């Protein structure tokens, strides 16, 4: 018996997707247009402190800022980034992140639909690794934010 997924409502799809983890939800979002909204709504509905870098990366690519006095050669930077991404560092957070380029109106146009999906923000630190934005990145957000 064939199932017609196109006939399922948004609410039913959202209930089915509620059993998926975030990795599965992102794959569901890329499967077909009908699945995109319910799965992305679940991915972004509850934003945790560890997710901040992911939602801000929708605006523009992010890169860690290294503290002055900490001179790393290119190979050591790559090793540090790889260790951080796979969770092998000792610290809970790495150097603050900055945007690699200036944020423009097209970036905001892409970002706003994702940001509107966020229903709650949990800033409680639970000992997991995370990356924070540098002060200059927050300044970029404020300076480039479109007017309401």
Protein backbone atom coordinates (compact mmCIF):
# COMPACT_ATOMS: atom_id res chain seq x y z
CA UNK A 1 0.00 0.00 0.00
CA UNK A 2 1.41 3.38 -1.03
CA UNK A 3 1.15 6.33 1.32
CA UNK A 4 0.48 9.78 -0.12
CA UNK A 5 2.66 12.07 2.04
CA UNK A 6 1.34 15.10 0.19
CA UNK A 7 -2.06 14.62 1.81
CA UNK A 8 -0.77 14.88 5.37
CA UNK A 9 -1.42 18.15 7.13
CA UNK A 10 1.24 20.35 8.67
CA UNK A 11 0.13 19.37 12.19
CA UNK A 12 0.32 15.63 11.50
CA UNK A 13 3.77 15.96 9.95
CA UNK A 14 4.93 18.00 12.93
CA UNK A 15 3.68 15.27 15.31
CA UNK A 16 5.51 12.59 13.32
CA UNK A 17 8.70 14.68 13.19
CA UNK A 18 8.56 15.25 16.95
CA UNK A 19 10.07 11.76 17.32
CA UNK A 20 13.16 12.71 15.28
CA UNK A 21 16.42 14.14 16.55
CA UNK A 22 17.83 17.37 15.08
CA UNK A 23 20.02 15.54 12.58
CA UNK A 24 17.05 13.63 11.20
CA UNK A 25 14.94 16.79 11.15
CA UNK A 26 17.48 18.63 9.02
CA UNK A 27 17.49 15.71 6.58
CA UNK A 28 13.67 15.74 6.52
CA UNK A 29 13.73 19.48 5.76
CA UNK A 30 15.83 18.76 2.65
CA UNK A 31 13.67 15.83 1.50
CA UNK A 32 10.77 17.76 -0.05
CA UNK A 33 9.05 21.13 0.14
CA UNK A 34 6.08 19.75 2.07
CA UNK A 35 8.33 18.51 4.87
CA UNK A 36 10.47 21.66 5.09
CA UNK A 37 8.30 23.89 7.29
CA UNK A 38 7.24 21.36 9.94
CA UNK A 39 10.74 19.94 10.32
CA UNK A 40 12.52 23.34 10.44
CA UNK A 41 9.95 24.61 12.94
CA UNK A 42 11.00 21.79 15.26
CA UNK A 43 14.73 22.29 14.61
CA UNK A 44 14.67 25.97 15.55
CA UNK A 45 11.75 26.15 18.02
CA UNK A 46 13.86 25.76 21.19
CA UNK A 47 17.18 27.54 20.83
CA UNK A 48 19.89 26.57 23.32
CA UNK A 49 23.09 28.45 24.04
CA UNK A 50 25.00 25.87 21.96
CA UNK A 51 22.79 26.69 18.93
CA UNK A 52 23.50 30.43 18.82
CA UNK A 53 26.47 30.09 16.51
CA UNK A 54 24.39 27.98 14.09
CA UNK A 55 21.55 30.47 13.77
CA UNK A 56 23.91 33.43 13.45
CA UNK A 57 25.92 31.54 10.82
CA UNK A 58 22.82 31.77 8.61
CA UNK A 59 23.54 35.51 8.37
CA UNK A 60 27.19 35.19 7.36
CA UNK A 61 30.08 32.77 7.93
CA UNK A 62 31.67 32.93 11.38
CA UNK A 63 35.30 32.55 12.38
CA UNK A 64 36.95 32.42 15.82
CA UNK A 65 38.87 35.49 16.94
CA UNK A 66 42.12 34.64 18.58
CA UNK A 67 43.17 36.56 21.66
CA UNK A 68 46.09 38.96 21.09
CA UNK A 69 49.28 37.40 22.33
CA UNK A 70 48.15 33.94 21.23
CA UNK A 71 49.92 33.60 17.93
CA UNK A 72 49.06 30.34 16.22
CA UNK A 73 50.40 29.19 12.93
CA UNK A 74 47.90 28.06 10.29
CA UNK A 75 48.37 24.36 11.04
CA UNK A 76 47.74 24.83 14.76
CA UNK A 77 44.59 26.88 14.02
CA UNK A 78 43.24 24.06 11.86
CA UNK A 79 44.02 21.45 14.53
CA UNK A 80 42.33 23.58 17.23
CA UNK A 81 39.21 24.06 15.07
CA UNK A 82 38.98 20.36 14.27
CA UNK A 83 39.45 19.43 17.94
CA UNK A 84 36.72 21.89 18.91
CA UNK A 85 34.26 20.66 16.26
CA UNK A 86 34.64 17.04 17.37
CA UNK A 87 34.50 17.99 21.06
CA UNK A 88 38.08 17.14 22.03
CA UNK A 89 38.96 20.44 23.68
CA UNK A 90 39.15 20.86 27.44
CA UNK A 91 37.36 24.19 27.54
CA UNK A 92 33.61 24.57 27.30
CA UNK A 93 33.88 27.43 24.85
CA UNK A 94 36.39 28.63 22.31
CA UNK A 95 37.42 32.10 21.26
CA UNK A 96 34.53 34.42 20.41
CA UNK A 97 33.22 34.31 16.84
CA UNK A 98 33.11 37.20 14.36
CA UNK A 99 31.46 37.47 10.97
CA UNK A 100 33.87 36.95 8.07
CA UNK A 101 32.16 39.63 6.01
CA UNK A 102 29.75 42.52 6.41
CA UNK A 103 26.11 41.46 6.78
CA UNK A 104 23.87 42.80 3.99
CA UNK A 105 20.12 43.03 3.36
CA UNK A 106 20.06 39.70 1.49
CA UNK A 107 21.58 37.98 4.54
CA UNK A 108 18.85 39.42 6.74
CA UNK A 109 16.20 38.34 4.21
CA UNK A 110 17.50 34.77 4.49
CA UNK A 111 17.91 34.92 8.30
CA UNK A 112 14.52 36.35 9.38
CA UNK A 113 12.38 33.33 8.35
CA UNK A 114 14.63 31.09 10.47
CA UNK A 115 14.65 33.51 13.41
CA UNK A 116 10.84 33.67 13.37
CA UNK A 117 10.74 29.91 14.00
CA UNK A 118 12.42 30.36 17.42
CA UNK A 119 9.83 30.10 20.20
CA UNK A 120 12.11 29.90 23.24
CA UNK A 121 15.73 30.67 24.07
CA UNK A 122 17.53 28.71 26.78
CA UNK A 123 20.72 30.46 27.93
CA UNK A 124 21.42 28.09 30.82
CA UNK A 125 24.98 26.80 30.68
CA UNK A 126 25.06 23.00 31.10
CA UNK A 127 28.79 22.36 30.73
CA UNK A 128 28.56 21.64 27.00
CA UNK A 129 30.96 23.26 24.59
CA UNK A 130 29.68 26.32 22.81
CA UNK A 131 30.91 29.36 20.99
CA UNK A 132 29.83 32.91 21.71
CA UNK A 133 29.75 35.94 19.46
CA UNK A 134 32.39 38.60 19.92
CA UNK A 135 31.28 42.13 20.85
CA UNK A 136 32.15 43.31 17.35
CA UNK A 137 29.76 40.68 15.91
CA UNK A 138 26.94 42.05 18.07
CA UNK A 139 27.83 45.54 16.83
CA UNK A 140 27.59 44.26 13.23
CA UNK A 141 24.14 42.86 14.01
CA UNK A 142 22.95 46.19 15.40
CA UNK A 143 24.49 48.30 12.63
CA UNK A 144 23.18 46.22 9.74
CA UNK A 145 19.77 45.26 11.15
CA UNK A 146 16.98 46.32 8.79
CA UNK A 147 14.51 48.85 10.10
CA UNK A 148 11.11 47.54 11.15
